Amino acid sequence: MPSRAHFRDVLDEMVWEILRHIQFSQVKPSPIWSSTDFTKDLIDAGGFVNMYESDLEADVEAERLARQEQRKSKLQEENLALSNELNRQRLKTHWIPIAVSVISLCLAAYSLFTPSTDVTQDELQKVRDEVERLRMDFKKENDDLKERLYEAEMMIAVYESDSLR
């Protein structure tokens, strides 16, 4: 809805346009209104109604562009705020992989330069001897059990043959 100020501006413009398109002569007994070279152009352009409508359309378009610019600047501010937040987050998390890498390098260097606590050759030989001794003991026990099993089978065979007779 156009305001009073807008209406007043349109009327002022119309007065100037009238003076441009219509010539006024004050002759006695009555004033004379006559057309000028621009009168036909004004009528061909649709007169004052078309001028008002085109001015109104221009004002609406200007207002729409102003709102669009406001929305655009608001979106740019939001985008900037989000970008700043993401950059702060990146700065925070940027150091984590670097810290993990440095710690890993330190642990690797420490493990390379410290003497290992591996089993010595003497300890390894003791373990091998113990395993060999256990293997021999198990083999001897296994042979004894086989011999006892054979004797038991023979006794069973003898008892069976005696019981059949």
Protein backbone atom coordinates (compact mmCIF):
# COMPACT_ATOMS: atom_id res chain seq x y z
CA MET A 1 0.00 0.00 0.00
CA PRO A 2 1.58 3.30 -1.06
CA SER A 3 2.14 5.85 1.69
CA ARG A 4 1.11 9.50 1.70
CA ALA A 5 4.70 10.57 1.11
CA HIS A 6 4.86 8.35 -1.95
CA PHE A 7 1.58 9.79 -3.22
CA ARG A 8 2.88 13.32 -2.64
CA ASP A 9 6.08 12.48 -4.58
CA VAL A 10 4.02 11.13 -7.47
CA LEU A 11 1.87 14.28 -7.56
CA ASP A 12 4.95 16.50 -7.54
CA GLU A 13 6.39 14.50 -10.42
CA MET A 14 3.11 14.74 -12.30
CA VAL A 15 3.12 18.55 -11.92
CA TRP A 16 6.61 18.71 -13.40
CA GLU A 17 5.61 16.35 -16.18
CA ILE A 18 2.50 18.41 -16.90
CA LEU A 19 4.59 21.53 -17.18
CA ARG A 20 6.89 19.68 -19.54
CA HIS A 21 4.15 18.24 -21.76
CA ILE A 22 1.48 20.92 -21.63
CA GLN A 23 2.09 24.61 -22.20
CA PHE A 24 0.22 27.11 -20.09
CA SER A 25 -0.27 30.67 -21.24
CA GLN A 26 -2.00 33.26 -19.16
CA VAL A 27 -3.88 35.37 -21.57
CA LYS A 28 -6.76 37.67 -20.65
CA PRO A 29 -9.72 36.87 -20.39
CA SER A 30 -8.95 33.09 -19.89
CA PRO A 31 -5.74 31.05 -19.64
CA ILE A 32 -4.80 28.78 -22.53
CA TRP A 33 -3.56 25.21 -22.18
CA SER A 34 -1.83 23.87 -25.25
CA SER A 35 0.22 20.77 -26.09
CA THR A 36 3.94 20.76 -26.54
CA ASP A 37 6.23 18.50 -28.56
CA PHE A 38 6.32 16.04 -25.64
CA THR A 39 2.54 15.69 -25.20
CA LYS A 40 2.18 12.96 -27.84
CA ASP A 41 5.05 11.03 -26.24
CA LEU A 42 3.27 11.20 -22.88
CA ILE A 43 0.00 9.95 -24.35
CA ASP A 44 1.77 7.17 -26.32
CA ALA A 45 3.52 6.06 -23.13
CA GLY A 46 0.12 5.59 -21.44
CA GLY A 47 -0.12 8.88 -19.60
CA PHE A 48 0.28 9.47 -15.93
CA VAL A 49 -1.30 6.14 -14.95
CA ASN A 50 1.45 4.17 -16.69
CA MET A 51 4.07 6.48 -15.20
CA TYR A 52 2.63 5.85 -11.73
CA GLU A 53 2.46 2.09 -12.29
CA SER A 54 6.00 1.95 -13.66
CA ASP A 55 7.24 4.01 -10.68
CA LEU A 56 5.35 1.71 -8.34
CA GLU A 57 6.83 -1.36 -10.05
CA ALA A 58 10.29 0.19 -9.81
CA ASP A 59 9.74 0.84 -6.08
CA VAL A 60 8.50 -2.74 -5.53
CA GLU A 61 11.50 -4.09 -7.46
CA ALA A 62 13.88 -1.90 -5.46
CA GLU A 63 12.31 -3.12 -2.23
CA ARG A 64 12.56 -6.73 -3.39
CA LEU A 65 16.23 -6.22 -4.29
CA ALA A 66 16.85 -4.59 -0.89
CA ARG A 67 15.24 -7.58 0.89
CA GLN A 68 17.25 -9.94 -1.30
CA GLU A 69 20.46 -8.09 -0.41
CA GLN A 70 19.54 -8.28 3.29
CA ARG A 71 18.93 -12.03 3.01
CA LYS A 72 22.17 -12.42 1.09
CA SER A 73 24.16 -10.50 3.70
CA LYS A 74 22.49 -12.48 6.50
CA LEU A 75 23.39 -15.75 4.77
CA GLN A 76 26.95 -14.54 4.26
CA GLU A 77 27.19 -13.70 7.98
CA GLU A 78 25.87 -17.16 8.89
CA ASN A 79 28.28 -18.75 6.44
CA LEU A 80 31.16 -16.77 7.92
CA ALA A 81 30.15 -17.77 11.45
CA LEU A 82 29.99 -21.45 10.45
CA SER A 83 33.31 -21.20 8.63
CA ASN A 84 34.91 -19.66 11.71
CA GLU A 85 33.48 -22.43 13.89
CA LEU A 86 34.80 -25.09 11.52
CA ASN A 87 38.22 -23.44 11.43
CA ARG A 88 38.34 -23.38 15.24
CA GLN A 89 37.38 -27.06 15.29
CA ARG A 90 40.08 -27.85 12.74
CA LEU A 91 42.66 -26.03 14.83
CA LYS A 92 41.65 -28.08 17.86
CA THR A 93 41.75 -31.41 16.06
CA HIS A 94 44.73 -30.55 13.88
CA TRP A 95 47.17 -31.21 16.71
CA ILE A 96 45.82 -34.64 17.69
CA PRO A 97 47.37 -36.62 14.78
CA ILE A 98 50.63 -34.70 15.19
CA ALA A 99 50.74 -35.53 18.90
CA VAL A 100 50.00 -39.21 18.22
CA SER A 101 52.74 -39.29 15.58
CA VAL A 102 55.30 -37.71 17.90
CA ILE A 103 54.44 -40.16 20.69
CA SER A 104 54.71 -43.07 18.25
CA LEU A 105 58.11 -41.86 17.06
CA CYS A 106 59.33 -41.52 20.64
CA LEU A 107 58.18 -45.05 21.50
CA ALA A 108 59.81 -46.45 18.36
CA ALA A 109 63.09 -44.67 19.11
CA TYR A 110 62.99 -45.88 22.71
CA SER A 111 62.44 -49.48 21.62
CA LEU A 112 65.28 -49.24 19.12
CA PHE A 113 67.86 -47.82 21.50
CA THR A 114 67.10 -49.71 24.71
CA PRO A 115 68.68 -53.14 25.25
CA SER A 116 66.21 -55.90 24.71
CA THR A 117 65.19 -58.20 27.53
CA ASP A 118 65.16 -61.25 25.29
CA VAL A 119 66.02 -64.69 26.56
CA THR A 120 69.74 -65.30 26.60
CA GLN A 121 71.35 -68.31 24.92
CA ASP A 122 72.02 -69.94 28.30
CA GLU A 123 68.40 -69.66 29.33
CA LEU A 124 67.28 -70.96 25.96
CA GLN A 125 69.65 -73.94 26.25
CA LYS A 126 68.29 -74.68 29.74
CA VAL A 127 64.75 -74.70 28.40
CA ARG A 128 65.76 -76.96 25.51
CA ASP A 129 67.50 -79.38 27.89
CA GLU A 130 64.43 -79.43 30.14
CA VAL A 131 62.14 -80.13 27.18
CA GLU A 132 64.46 -82.92 26.00
CA ARG A 133 64.59 -84.44 29.49
CA LEU A 134 60.77 -84.32 29.72
CA ARG A 135 60.48 -85.89 26.28
CA MET A 136 62.81 -88.70 27.28
CA ASP A 137 60.93 -89.26 30.54
CA PHE A 138 57.62 -89.40 28.67
CA LYS A 139 59.08 -91.78 26.10
CA LYS A 140 60.42 -94.07 28.83
CA GLU A 141 57.08 -93.96 30.64
CA ASN A 142 55.27 -94.64 27.36
CA ASP A 143 57.53 -97.66 26.66
CA ASP A 144 56.92 -98.99 30.20
CA LEU A 145 53.17 -98.64 29.73
CA LYS A 146 53.34 -100.42 26.37
CA GLU A 147 55.28 -103.27 27.96
CA ARG A 148 52.79 -103.56 30.84
CA LEU A 149 49.90 -103.48 28.37
CA TYR A 150 51.53 -106.28 26.35
CA GLU A 151 52.00 -108.37 29.50
CA ALA A 152 48.37 -107.78 30.48
CA GLU A 153 47.16 -108.83 27.04
CA MET A 154 49.26 -112.00 27.26
CA MET A 155 47.85 -112.85 30.64
CA ILE A 156 44.34 -112.36 29.36
CA ALA A 157 45.09 -114.62 26.40
CA VAL A 158 46.48 -117.32 28.73
CA TYR A 159 43.44 -117.12 31.03
CA GLU A 160 41.10 -117.32 28.08
CA SER A 161 42.87 -120.34 26.64
CA ASP A 162 42.81 -122.05 30.08
CA SER A 163 39.13 -121.32 30.54
CA LEU A 164 38.25 -122.80 27.15
CA ARG A 165 39.87 -126.14 27.86
